Amino acid sequence: MSLSDPCIVESRINSIALASLLLAFCCGLIPAHAQNITPANLELTLTRPVWHSTGQGLRIPTNFDTPNDGSGKFYVTGLAGRIDQFDNGAESTFLDISSEVLAGSGSGLLGFVFHPGYSDSSSLGYRKFYTFHSSPVNPSASVTFSVPGFTTAHHNVVTEWQASESNPNLADISTRREIYREAHPNENIHNGGALDFGPDGYLYVTTGVAPGTFSLAQELDNINGKLLRIDPLAPSLTSGSLDPISSNGQYRIPASNPFVSDPTALGEIFAYGLRNPYKMSVDPVSGIPFLGDVGQGAREEVDAIFPGANYGWPYREGTLPYSGTPPVGSVFTDPIAEYSHADGRSVTGGHIYHGSIPELQGKYIFAEFSFGTGPFNKPGRLFWIDPFDGDGNLKDSSEIEIKEFRFSESTQAIFDLYSPKDGDNIDITIYSLGVDDDGEIYILGEEANRLTFYKIVDAVNLSPPGDFDGDLDVDGDDLVQWQGGYGINASGDADGDGDTDGRDFLIWQRNFGTGVAPLDAVTAVPEPNTCLLGLGVVGALASLRRRRAS
């Protein structure tokens, strides 16, 4: 082969370019990041604790919660207005308000959560739970929040209930107490409706903003397109609290809410600039709310919510410009993860994992709803991100990648019982994810017009040693990952000792392009200088490229 052969020339040019790039990375001169959905290095095993609804007619599962009493019971809400209890596979109705629920493509019984003190007889929250539902307009009802100038499409209602004192398997309808009622403007979609309690004891509520009213998400005098935070207990029960009482007298507003002292803003608002935050959960460890905000036509996003933060809608969809020119000085908070509509159409927010599976610890597990026509007519998809670094601090969005789970052969066999198919996706429409008393995650959806549950019971890491980015290949991208974590965190930890150091680099080097060298084939080495390591690997890669070219 001639030295002037274009393949050799290109190889040498690429080697020089790669050498320069790797040296810059290793010396910390430039950052590297490309957030996208990458092939999974984690393979899940799922089981079906309940095969499908037993004929009770519960459809479109919007929520899953447990009373945290050790009983193993869990409760599921159906969009049409019912909450069913599942006890060792037996299904029974806990609450049915379907006669007053307006159920549609974006409205219905959208939120349900037990008070943290539900099973504690000494707690003010004993036997109490909360719902968020849409209802037809009731002209005689007292409305807490409205938007003058817009047509009211329906009402959204947050309600407190109590389980029956004589029969805890039934809700006591007579205990109903309305927390607030919103006159939702323009259309029966984009309601939000997620409920969750944080470790601070407060109730977090998501609200959406309907087409034709998108600008409301940026205005602080209404609750549309917001995350709210309140103390839902009757103020008479919390007389010693310093939190101010709401305008309707039914709840308290945390004194620490970011806009509570602003006379032009609603004190209930915790964050704003959201479009349709359909599913939200508050991490019980960090206290950070995480939500999936459903996009318009280009992006789906996951947000970590901070007090007072503005997430940009409708000026931005994810990190893309959408509509209008923001006021001078506007500051927007980026999503921590986003994906394009080439990969889906409607994000289903999930939970930070704190169960018993080591490989999943601290990961945010969420889903793609995946239902529709054309390019969106795909089965549901299950993703994860690593939002926290090794010290428990939230990462910058530039350090986060979305990864898609694989499924074990036994799980694929379960999928195929109802929907034989090709591919590796979970073949259901994923409406919701939930967490049980032990921190284990459930996936709720519909399959063949049946209510379907899956429980994550195991996860296996498929990565060879040195595959730091989890794409199942040991390549140059992994070197970048190693460099980014060197001496700081465990993002490039190949030997499992909890830090990123020179031994991890040698493991990467031995496995480069093969992924077969065992961990115990590498002995401990002293910590080398990062730049020297970079020079060493540049030489190694250049040599590899020369051999391949010849």
Protein backbone atom coordinates (compact mmCIF):
# COMPACT_ATOMS: atom_id res chain seq x y z
CA MET A 1 0.00 0.00 0.00
CA SER A 2 1.41 3.39 -1.00
CA LEU A 3 2.23 6.03 1.60
CA SER A 4 0.13 8.38 -0.50
CA ASP A 5 -2.87 6.08 -0.22
CA PRO A 6 -5.83 8.23 0.92
CA CYS A 7 -6.74 5.67 3.62
CA ILE A 8 -3.30 6.08 5.25
CA VAL A 9 -3.36 9.86 4.87
CA GLU A 10 -6.84 10.03 6.45
CA SER A 11 -5.75 7.68 9.23
CA ARG A 12 -2.75 9.87 10.05
CA ILE A 13 -4.82 13.06 9.98
CA ASN A 14 -7.43 11.46 12.24
CA SER A 15 -4.73 10.19 14.61
CA ILE A 16 -3.22 13.67 14.91
CA ALA A 17 -6.64 15.23 15.47
CA LEU A 18 -7.57 12.57 18.02
CA ALA A 19 -4.24 13.03 19.76
CA SER A 20 -4.77 16.77 20.08
CA LEU A 21 -8.33 16.31 21.28
CA LEU A 22 -7.47 13.67 23.86
CA LEU A 23 -4.54 15.69 25.15
CA ALA A 24 -6.81 18.70 25.59
CA PHE A 25 -9.39 16.57 27.41
CA CYS A 26 -6.83 14.94 29.65
CA CYS A 27 -5.27 18.28 30.60
CA GLY A 28 -8.70 19.65 31.38
CA LEU A 29 -8.57 22.32 28.68
CA ILE A 30 -12.01 21.79 27.14
CA PRO A 31 -15.24 20.20 28.34
CA ALA A 32 -17.06 17.36 26.62
CA HIS A 33 -20.76 16.61 26.61
CA ALA A 34 -23.45 15.30 24.30
CA GLN A 35 -26.77 14.57 25.98
CA ASN A 36 -28.71 11.92 24.09
CA ILE A 37 -30.38 8.55 24.56
CA THR A 38 -27.64 5.95 24.60
CA PRO A 39 -27.81 2.13 24.54
CA ALA A 40 -28.31 0.67 27.98
CA ASN A 41 -25.70 -1.02 30.10
CA LEU A 42 -28.38 -2.06 32.60
CA GLU A 43 -30.66 -5.02 32.01
CA LEU A 44 -33.84 -5.11 34.07
CA THR A 45 -35.86 -8.05 35.25
CA LEU A 46 -39.52 -7.25 35.82
CA THR A 47 -42.31 -9.26 37.38
CA ARG A 48 -46.06 -8.83 37.36
CA PRO A 49 -47.38 -8.64 40.92
CA VAL A 50 -50.81 -8.23 39.34
CA TRP A 51 -51.31 -9.60 35.86
CA HIS A 52 -54.07 -7.21 34.93
CA SER A 53 -57.23 -5.70 36.35
CA THR A 54 -59.48 -8.51 37.52
CA GLY A 55 -62.62 -7.16 35.91
CA GLN A 56 -63.26 -4.17 38.16
CA GLY A 57 -62.93 -1.98 35.08
CA LEU A 58 -60.08 0.23 36.30
CA ARG A 59 -58.51 1.85 33.22
CA ILE A 60 -55.70 4.29 32.46
CA PRO A 61 -53.73 4.10 35.75
CA THR A 62 -52.60 7.59 36.71
CA ASN A 63 -51.11 7.00 40.17
CA PHE A 64 -49.66 4.37 42.48
CA ASP A 65 -49.15 4.84 46.23
CA THR A 66 -48.86 2.84 49.44
CA PRO A 67 -49.97 3.70 52.99
CA ASN A 68 -46.47 2.98 54.38
CA ASP A 69 -47.85 0.59 56.96
CA GLY A 70 -45.93 -2.58 56.08
CA SER A 71 -49.08 -4.31 54.84
CA GLY A 72 -47.91 -4.70 51.26
CA LYS A 73 -51.10 -3.08 50.00
CA PHE A 74 -50.91 -0.61 47.16
CA TYR A 75 -53.48 1.70 45.65
CA VAL A 76 -53.99 2.70 42.02
CA THR A 77 -56.09 5.49 40.56
CA GLY A 78 -57.96 5.23 37.28
CA LEU A 79 -58.41 8.33 35.13
CA ALA A 80 -62.21 7.98 35.21
CA GLY A 81 -62.38 8.61 38.95
CA ARG A 82 -61.78 5.50 41.03
CA ILE A 83 -59.07 4.38 43.45
CA ASP A 84 -58.65 0.63 43.85
CA GLN A 85 -56.81 -1.24 46.59
CA PHE A 86 -54.64 -4.25 45.72
CA ASP A 87 -53.99 -6.62 48.60
CA ASN A 88 -52.07 -9.80 47.72
CA GLY A 89 -53.56 -9.69 44.24
CA ALA A 90 -57.13 -9.06 45.42
CA GLU A 91 -58.63 -5.86 44.01
CA SER A 92 -61.34 -3.78 45.69
CA THR A 93 -62.64 -0.24 45.35
CA PHE A 94 -61.36 2.22 47.95
CA LEU A 95 -62.95 5.43 46.62
CA ASP A 96 -65.22 6.08 43.64
CA ILE A 97 -65.94 9.68 42.56
CA SER A 98 -66.38 8.87 38.87
CA SER A 99 -69.82 10.51 38.84
CA GLU A 100 -68.19 13.93 39.34
CA VAL A 101 -64.95 13.47 37.40
CA LEU A 102 -64.49 14.93 33.95
CA ALA A 103 -62.25 12.38 32.26
CA GLY A 104 -60.72 13.14 28.88
CA SER A 105 -57.43 13.21 27.01
CA GLY A 106 -55.85 15.46 29.62
CA SER A 107 -58.38 15.64 32.44
CA GLY A 108 -59.65 13.21 35.06
CA LEU A 109 -58.49 11.83 38.39
CA LEU A 110 -54.87 12.89 37.93
CA GLY A 111 -53.36 12.97 41.42
CA PHE A 112 -53.45 10.84 44.56
CA VAL A 113 -51.16 10.63 47.59
CA PHE A 114 -51.34 9.45 51.19
CA HIS A 115 -50.36 11.87 53.91
CA PRO A 116 -46.97 10.82 55.40
CA GLY A 117 -48.75 10.30 58.71
CA TYR A 118 -51.58 8.24 57.21
CA SER A 119 -50.74 5.10 59.24
CA ASP A 120 -49.59 6.91 62.40
CA SER A 121 -52.41 7.35 64.89
CA SER A 122 -50.47 10.14 66.65
CA SER A 123 -50.11 12.20 63.45
CA LEU A 124 -52.37 15.04 62.33
CA GLY A 125 -52.39 13.29 58.97
CA TYR A 126 -53.76 10.02 60.35
CA ARG A 127 -56.09 8.33 57.82
CA LYS A 128 -55.84 11.35 55.47
CA PHE A 129 -55.12 11.26 51.74
CA TYR A 130 -55.42 13.75 48.90
CA THR A 131 -56.67 13.76 45.32
CA PHE A 132 -56.50 16.08 42.32
CA HIS A 133 -59.37 15.69 39.88
CA SER A 134 -61.03 17.56 37.04
CA SER A 135 -64.75 18.19 37.17
CA PRO A 136 -67.32 19.96 35.02
CA VAL A 137 -67.83 23.62 35.84
CA ASN A 138 -69.94 23.98 38.99
CA PRO A 139 -71.41 27.51 39.01
CA SER A 140 -72.32 27.29 42.69
CA ALA A 141 -68.86 26.18 43.86
CA SER A 142 -66.43 28.58 45.49
CA VAL A 143 -63.43 29.04 43.17
CA THR A 144 -60.06 29.79 44.77
CA PHE A 145 -58.08 30.47 41.59
CA SER A 146 -59.34 31.87 38.30
CA VAL A 147 -57.99 33.86 35.36
CA PRO A 148 -60.27 36.76 34.40
CA GLY A 149 -60.63 37.23 30.66
CA PHE A 150 -60.42 33.55 29.78
CA THR A 151 -63.22 31.04 29.29
CA THR A 152 -63.39 28.41 32.04
CA ALA A 153 -63.16 24.93 30.51
CA HIS A 154 -63.57 22.96 33.75
CA HIS A 155 -62.60 22.98 37.41
CA ASN A 156 -59.57 21.27 38.95
CA VAL A 157 -60.08 20.34 42.59
CA VAL A 158 -57.62 19.28 45.30
CA THR A 159 -59.45 17.43 48.06
CA GLU A 160 -58.63 15.91 51.44
CA TRP A 161 -60.31 12.63 52.43
CA GLN A 162 -60.04 10.18 55.28
CA ALA A 163 -60.23 6.40 55.38
CA SER A 164 -63.16 5.01 57.28
CA GLU A 165 -62.48 4.67 61.00
CA SER A 166 -64.40 1.39 61.15
CA ASN A 167 -63.15 -0.04 57.83
CA PRO A 168 -59.73 1.19 56.66
CA ASN A 169 -60.27 -0.53 53.32
CA LEU A 170 -62.83 2.12 52.38
CA ALA A 171 -62.68 5.90 52.13
CA ASP A 172 -65.24 7.81 54.18
CA ILE A 173 -67.00 10.11 51.71
CA SER A 174 -68.39 12.23 54.55
CA THR A 175 -64.88 13.41 55.45
CA ARG A 176 -64.40 15.22 52.13
CA ARG A 177 -62.75 18.64 52.57
CA GLU A 178 -61.97 20.79 49.56
CA ILE A 179 -58.49 22.30 49.72
CA TYR A 180 -58.81 24.52 46.68
CA ARG A 181 -60.65 24.77 43.36
CA GLU A 182 -59.18 26.17 40.15
CA ALA A 183 -61.16 27.45 37.18
CA HIS A 184 -58.97 26.00 34.42
CA PRO A 185 -59.08 28.19 31.31
CA ASN A 186 -59.68 27.44 27.64
CA GLU A 187 -59.26 23.67 27.16
CA ASN A 188 -59.60 20.40 29.07
CA ILE A 189 -55.91 19.55 28.68
CA HIS A 190 -52.58 20.39 30.29
CA ASN A 191 -53.75 20.17 33.88
CA GLY A 192 -50.62 18.79 35.54
CA GLY A 193 -52.27 17.23 38.55
CA ALA A 194 -49.38 15.40 40.23
CA LEU A 195 -49.29 15.31 44.05
CA ASP A 196 -46.44 14.34 46.35
CA PHE A 197 -45.26 15.12 49.87
CA GLY A 198 -41.68 16.17 50.41
CA PRO A 199 -39.51 15.32 53.42
CA ASP A 200 -40.38 18.85 54.61
CA GLY A 201 -43.95 17.63 55.23
CA TYR A 202 -45.45 19.94 52.60
CA LEU A 203 -47.65 18.93 49.67
CA TYR A 204 -46.32 19.69 46.17
CA VAL A 205 -48.84 20.12 43.34
CA THR A 206 -48.19 20.51 39.61
CA THR A 207 -50.39 22.62 37.36
CA GLY A 208 -50.37 22.91 33.57
CA VAL A 209 -51.17 25.69 31.14
CA ALA A 210 -53.59 25.17 28.25
CA PRO A 211 -53.14 26.24 24.61
CA GLY A 212 -54.19 29.82 24.12
CA THR A 213 -53.08 30.68 27.67
CA PHE A 214 -49.38 29.77 27.49
CA SER A 215 -48.27 33.24 28.65
CA LEU A 216 -49.85 32.52 32.05
CA ALA A 217 -46.91 30.21 32.86
CA GLN A 218 -44.68 33.29 33.14
CA GLU A 219 -47.11 35.30 35.29
CA LEU A 220 -47.03 34.96 39.07
CA ASP A 221 -50.63 36.04 39.76
CA ASN A 222 -52.10 32.67 38.70
CA ILE A 223 -51.34 29.00 39.32
CA ASN A 224 -51.14 27.85 35.67
CA GLY A 225 -47.85 26.28 34.57
CA LYS A 226 -46.49 26.12 38.11
CA LEU A 227 -45.32 23.87 40.91
CA LEU A 228 -47.16 24.76 44.11
CA ARG A 229 -46.20 23.98 47.72
CA ILE A 230 -48.72 24.07 50.57
CA ASP A 231 -49.52 22.59 53.98
CA PRO A 232 -52.90 20.97 53.21
CA LEU A 233 -53.98 20.30 56.81
CA ALA A 234 -56.83 22.39 58.17
CA PRO A 235 -55.25 25.51 59.75
CA SER A 236 -57.24 24.89 62.92
CA LEU A 237 -55.12 21.76 63.46
CA THR A 238 -51.84 23.67 63.13
CA SER A 239 -52.53 26.73 65.25
CA GLY A 240 -48.89 26.94 66.37
CA SER A 241 -47.59 27.24 62.82
CA LEU A 242 -45.99 30.46 61.57
CA ASP A 243 -47.08 29.67 58.00
CA PRO A 244 -49.77 32.10 56.80
CA ILE A 245 -53.29 30.85 56.13
CA SER A 246 -54.51 30.72 52.52
CA SER A 247 -57.07 33.19 51.20
CA ASN A 248 -59.82 30.55 51.32
CA GLY A 249 -58.88 29.50 54.87
CA GLN A 250 -58.43 25.81 53.99
CA TYR A 251 -54.64 25.38 54.13
CA ARG A 252 -51.41 27.13 54.98
CA ILE A 253 -48.74 28.57 52.71
CA PRO A 254 -45.15 27.79 53.78
CA ALA A 255 -43.47 30.95 55.00
CA SER A 256 -40.31 29.79 53.19
CA ASN A 257 -41.98 29.73 49.76
CA PRO A 258 -40.03 31.99 47.37
CA PHE A 259 -42.83 34.46 46.55
CA VAL A 260 -44.71 34.52 49.83
CA SER A 261 -43.63 38.12 50.54
CA ASP A 262 -44.32 39.40 47.03
CA PRO A 263 -47.69 41.22 46.99
CA THR A 264 -47.94 40.78 43.20
CA ALA A 265 -47.45 37.00 43.31
CA LEU A 266 -49.30 34.01 44.72
CA GLY A 267 -47.49 32.70 47.77
CA GLU A 268 -48.35 29.11 46.86
CA ILE A 269 -45.97 29.18 43.87
CA PHE A 270 -42.72 27.27 44.36
CA ALA A 271 -41.49 27.40 40.71
CA TYR A 272 -42.92 28.46 37.35
CA GLY A 273 -42.51 28.44 33.56
CA LEU A 274 -43.83 24.87 33.09
CA ARG A 275 -46.04 23.54 30.30
CA ASN A 276 -47.66 20.27 31.39
CA PRO A 277 -45.84 18.67 34.33
CA TYR A 278 -47.93 15.51 34.26
CA LYS A 279 -45.88 13.45 36.71
CA MET A 280 -43.74 14.72 39.60
CA SER A 281 -42.09 13.21 42.67
CA VAL A 282 -40.08 14.67 45.52
CA ASP A 283 -36.87 12.79 46.27
CA PRO A 284 -37.16 11.77 49.96
CA VAL A 285 -33.38 12.05 50.45
CA SER A 286 -32.41 15.31 48.75
CA GLY A 287 -35.84 16.93 49.02
CA ILE A 288 -35.60 17.99 45.35
CA PRO A 289 -38.78 17.68 43.26
CA PHE A 290 -38.21 16.02 39.87
CA LEU A 291 -40.80 16.19 37.13
CA GLY A 292 -41.36 15.33 33.51
CA ASP A 293 -42.67 18.34 31.59
CA VAL A 294 -44.47 17.29 28.42
CA GLY A 295 -43.28 19.25 25.38
CA GLN A 296 -45.01 20.95 22.49
CA GLY A 297 -43.53 19.84 19.18
CA ALA A 298 -39.81 19.30 19.63
CA ARG A 299 -38.55 18.40 23.11
CA GLU A 300 -39.48 16.38 26.20
CA GLU A 301 -37.75 17.40 29.41
CA VAL A 302 -36.92 16.33 32.96
CA ASP A 303 -36.56 19.15 35.47
CA ALA A 304 -35.04 19.29 38.92
CA ILE A 305 -37.07 21.98 40.65
CA PHE A 306 -35.59 24.73 42.78
CA PRO A 307 -37.49 27.40 44.72
CA GLY A 308 -38.25 30.46 42.63
CA ALA A 309 -36.78 28.99 39.43
CA ASN A 310 -38.24 29.81 36.01
CA TYR A 311 -38.17 26.90 33.52
CA GLY A 312 -38.87 29.08 30.51
CA TRP A 313 -42.18 28.01 28.94
CA PRO A 314 -43.41 29.40 26.55
CA TYR A 315 -40.24 31.31 25.68
CA ARG A 316 -38.42 28.00 25.61
CA GLU A 317 -39.26 24.36 24.99
CA GLY A 318 -36.53 22.52 26.81
CA THR A 319 -33.47 24.55 25.86
CA LEU A 320 -34.86 25.53 22.43
CA PRO A 321 -36.50 28.90 21.73
CA TYR A 322 -40.26 28.52 21.30
CA SER A 323 -42.41 31.66 21.35
CA GLY A 324 -41.86 35.31 22.06
CA THR A 325 -38.91 37.37 23.25
CA PRO A 326 -38.10 37.05 26.95
CA PRO A 327 -37.88 40.27 28.95
CA VAL A 328 -34.39 41.67 29.29
CA GLY A 329 -32.62 40.05 32.23
CA SER A 330 -34.72 36.87 32.21
CA VAL A 331 -32.96 33.91 33.79
CA PHE A 332 -34.16 30.41 32.93
CA THR A 333 -33.24 27.10 34.55
CA ASP A 334 -32.30 24.38 32.08
CA PRO A 335 -33.82 20.92 32.24
CA ILE A 336 -31.41 18.33 33.59
CA ALA A 337 -32.33 16.05 30.68
CA GLU A 338 -34.22 16.42 27.42
CA TYR A 339 -34.89 14.35 24.34
CA SER A 340 -36.27 15.15 20.92
CA HIS A 341 -39.52 14.08 19.33
CA ALA A 342 -37.53 11.74 17.15
CA ASP A 343 -37.44 9.56 20.29
CA GLY A 344 -40.92 10.09 21.72
CA ARG A 345 -43.79 12.44 22.25
CA SER A 346 -44.74 12.60 25.93
CA VAL A 347 -42.47 12.09 28.93
CA THR A 348 -43.80 10.25 31.98
CA GLY A 349 -41.92 11.52 35.02
CA GLY A 350 -40.68 9.00 37.56
CA HIS A 351 -38.72 8.60 40.80
CA ILE A 352 -35.25 8.56 42.29
CA TYR A 353 -34.56 4.93 43.18
CA HIS A 354 -33.87 4.09 46.85
CA GLY A 355 -34.74 0.39 46.88
CA SER A 356 -32.63 -2.73 47.35
CA ILE A 357 -30.99 -3.05 43.91
CA PRO A 358 -27.43 -1.64 44.09
CA GLU A 359 -27.13 -0.93 40.35
CA LEU A 360 -30.11 1.43 40.47
CA GLN A 361 -29.29 3.41 43.60
CA GLY A 362 -29.73 7.16 43.16
CA LYS A 363 -30.87 6.92 39.55
CA TYR A 364 -33.91 8.80 38.31
CA ILE A 365 -36.08 6.25 36.51
CA PHE A 366 -38.68 7.63 34.12
CA ALA A 367 -40.52 6.70 30.95
CA GLU A 368 -41.72 7.66 27.52
CA PHE A 369 -45.50 7.42 27.25
CA SER A 370 -45.23 6.41 23.56
CA PHE A 371 -48.70 6.46 22.14
CA GLY A 372 -49.91 8.00 18.91
CA THR A 373 -49.50 7.81 15.18
CA GLY A 374 -46.67 8.07 12.69
CA PRO A 375 -43.18 8.17 14.21
CA PHE A 376 -44.64 8.19 17.72
CA ASN A 377 -46.54 4.92 17.36
CA LYS A 378 -44.00 3.00 19.44
CA PRO A 379 -44.16 0.89 22.58
CA GLY A 380 -43.39 2.46 25.92
CA ARG A 381 -39.73 3.05 26.75
CA LEU A 382 -38.02 3.10 30.12
CA PHE A 383 -35.06 5.41 30.80
CA TRP A 384 -32.75 6.50 33.56
CA ILE A 385 -30.34 9.31 34.32
CA ASP A 386 -27.71 9.73 37.02
CA PRO A 387 -28.58 13.17 38.44
CA PHE A 388 -26.19 13.10 41.41
CA ASP A 389 -22.42 12.90 41.59
CA GLY A 390 -20.47 10.70 44.00
CA ASP A 391 -20.84 13.27 46.77
CA GLY A 392 -24.63 13.48 46.42
CA ASN A 393 -24.60 16.86 44.67
CA LEU A 394 -26.81 17.51 41.66
CA LYS A 395 -24.80 17.37 38.45
CA ASP A 396 -24.80 20.04 35.79
CA SER A 397 -27.04 19.09 32.86
CA SER A 398 -23.94 18.91 30.62
CA GLU A 399 -22.79 15.89 32.66
CA ILE A 400 -26.04 13.93 32.32
CA GLU A 401 -27.01 11.44 29.62
CA ILE A 402 -30.31 9.67 29.13
CA LYS A 403 -29.92 5.90 28.98
CA GLU A 404 -32.49 3.32 27.99
CA PHE A 405 -32.96 0.08 29.87
CA ARG A 406 -32.67 -3.35 28.32
CA PHE A 407 -34.82 -6.23 29.54
CA SER A 408 -33.90 -9.77 30.50
CA GLU A 409 -35.07 -12.82 28.57
CA SER A 410 -37.50 -13.76 31.33
CA THR A 411 -39.00 -10.26 31.16
CA GLN A 412 -39.28 -10.43 27.38
CA ALA A 413 -41.21 -13.68 27.81
CA ILE A 414 -43.70 -11.89 30.07
CA PHE A 415 -44.08 -9.08 27.53
CA ASP A 416 -44.81 -11.57 24.77
CA LEU A 417 -47.63 -13.30 26.66
CA TYR A 418 -49.98 -10.47 25.74
CA SER A 419 -48.22 -8.67 22.90
CA PRO A 420 -45.77 -10.83 20.90
CA LYS A 421 -43.40 -8.47 19.11
CA ASP A 422 -39.91 -7.83 17.91
CA GLY A 423 -37.53 -5.49 19.71
CA ASP A 424 -36.56 -4.76 23.26
CA ASN A 425 -39.19 -2.26 24.40
CA ILE A 426 -41.81 -2.63 27.11
CA ASP A 427 -44.90 -2.97 24.95
CA ILE A 428 -47.36 -0.95 26.98
CA THR A 429 -48.47 2.66 27.13
CA ILE A 430 -46.72 3.89 30.28
CA TYR A 431 -49.08 6.18 32.19
CA SER A 432 -47.37 6.28 35.56
CA LEU A 433 -44.57 5.01 37.80
CA GLY A 434 -44.86 4.39 41.53
CA VAL A 435 -42.84 3.45 44.59
CA ASP A 436 -43.77 0.99 47.34
CA ASP A 437 -42.88 1.04 51.04
CA ASP A 438 -39.50 -0.56 50.31
CA GLY A 439 -38.51 1.96 47.66
CA GLU A 440 -39.09 -0.45 44.77
CA ILE A 441 -40.46 0.96 41.53
CA TYR A 442 -43.58 -0.13 39.66
CA ILE A 443 -44.53 0.64 36.06
CA LEU A 444 -48.22 1.12 35.29
CA GLY A 445 -49.81 1.09 31.90
CA GLU A 446 -52.18 -0.62 29.53
CA GLU A 447 -51.57 -3.61 27.31
CA ALA A 448 -54.20 -5.15 25.04
CA ASN A 449 -56.77 -2.87 26.74
CA ARG A 450 -55.91 -4.28 30.16
CA LEU A 451 -54.52 -2.52 33.20
CA THR A 452 -50.94 -3.80 33.58
CA PHE A 453 -48.35 -3.60 36.37
CA TYR A 454 -44.68 -4.39 36.31
CA LYS A 455 -42.30 -4.34 39.27
CA ILE A 456 -38.54 -3.90 38.87
CA VAL A 457 -36.94 -6.77 40.81
CA ASP A 458 -33.37 -6.91 39.50
CA ALA A 459 -30.82 -5.05 37.40
CA VAL A 460 -27.58 -6.40 35.92
CA ASN A 461 -24.75 -4.19 34.72
CA LEU A 462 -23.68 -5.41 31.29
CA SER A 463 -20.70 -3.07 30.93
CA PRO A 464 -17.20 -4.49 30.47
CA PRO A 465 -14.49 -2.94 32.70
CA GLY A 466 -13.59 0.49 31.35
CA ASP A 467 -17.00 1.17 29.82
CA PHE A 468 -17.56 4.34 31.85
CA ASP A 469 -20.35 5.81 29.70
CA GLY A 470 -22.43 2.63 29.67
CA ASP A 471 -22.66 2.17 25.90
CA LEU A 472 -21.19 -1.35 26.12
CA ASP A 473 -18.05 -0.35 24.22
CA VAL A 474 -14.65 0.57 25.67
CA ASP A 475 -13.60 3.47 23.46
CA GLY A 476 -12.38 7.06 23.37
CA ASP A 477 -15.61 8.39 24.91
CA ASP A 478 -14.81 6.41 28.04
CA LEU A 479 -11.42 8.11 28.30
CA VAL A 480 -13.22 11.44 28.34
CA GLN A 481 -15.49 10.14 31.10
CA TRP A 482 -12.45 8.98 33.08
CA GLN A 483 -10.73 12.35 32.67
CA GLY A 484 -13.85 14.21 33.81
CA GLY A 485 -13.98 12.24 37.05
CA TYR A 486 -10.25 11.96 37.74
CA GLY A 487 -9.58 12.77 41.39
CA ILE A 488 -13.10 14.13 41.82
CA ASN A 489 -15.74 11.39 41.73
CA ALA A 490 -16.41 7.83 40.69
CA SER A 491 -17.64 8.50 37.14
CA GLY A 492 -14.58 6.67 35.77
CA ASP A 493 -14.24 4.07 38.50
CA ALA A 494 -13.45 0.76 36.75
CA ASP A 495 -12.11 -1.18 39.73
CA GLY A 496 -14.93 -0.39 42.13
CA ASP A 497 -12.78 1.26 44.81
CA GLY A 498 -14.94 4.38 44.89
CA ASP A 499 -12.63 6.83 43.15
CA THR A 500 -11.28 7.62 39.71
CA ASP A 501 -7.53 7.18 39.51
CA GLY A 502 -4.62 5.81 37.50
CA ARG A 503 -5.56 2.16 38.00
CA ASP A 504 -8.89 2.86 36.32
CA PHE A 505 -7.04 4.37 33.37
CA LEU A 506 -4.93 1.23 32.98
CA ILE A 507 -8.05 -0.93 33.04
CA TRP A 508 -9.53 1.24 30.30
CA GLN A 509 -6.29 1.01 28.31
CA ARG A 510 -6.14 -2.79 28.53
CA ASN A 511 -9.78 -3.14 27.49
CA PHE A 512 -9.74 -0.54 24.71
CA GLY A 513 -11.49 -2.03 21.69
CA THR A 514 -11.91 -5.44 23.33
CA GLY A 515 -13.61 -5.19 26.72
CA VAL A 516 -12.30 -8.58 27.81
CA ALA A 517 -9.53 -7.97 30.36
CA PRO A 518 -10.59 -9.02 33.88
CA LEU A 519 -10.27 -6.58 36.74
CA ASP A 520 -7.84 -8.78 38.65
CA ALA A 521 -5.40 -8.73 35.71
CA VAL A 522 -4.37 -5.20 36.69
CA THR A 523 -2.27 -4.51 39.74
CA ALA A 524 -2.35 -1.35 41.80
CA VAL A 525 -0.34 1.54 40.36
CA PRO A 526 0.76 4.89 41.78
CA GLU A 527 -1.30 7.93 40.85
CA PRO A 528 0.18 9.38 37.63
CA ASN A 529 -0.07 12.96 36.43
CA THR A 530 -3.22 13.43 34.35
CA CYS A 531 -1.45 15.08 31.41
CA LEU A 532 1.21 12.35 31.32
CA LEU A 533 -1.53 9.78 31.20
CA GLY A 534 -3.10 11.68 28.35
CA LEU A 535 0.17 11.65 26.40
CA GLY A 536 0.54 7.93 27.06
CA VAL A 537 -2.89 7.06 25.78
CA VAL A 538 -2.47 9.30 22.74
CA GLY A 539 0.56 7.24 21.82
CA ALA A 540 -1.35 4.02 22.42
CA LEU A 541 -4.27 5.10 20.24
CA ALA A 542 -2.00 6.40 17.48
CA SER A 543 -0.25 3.03 17.44
CA LEU A 544 -3.57 1.23 17.24
CA ARG A 545 -4.64 3.39 14.34
CA ARG A 546 -1.38 2.79 12.46
CA ARG A 547 -1.80 -0.97 12.84
CA ARG A 548 -5.40 -0.80 11.63
CA ALA A 549 -4.42 1.32 8.61
CA SER A 550 -1.81 -1.21 7.56
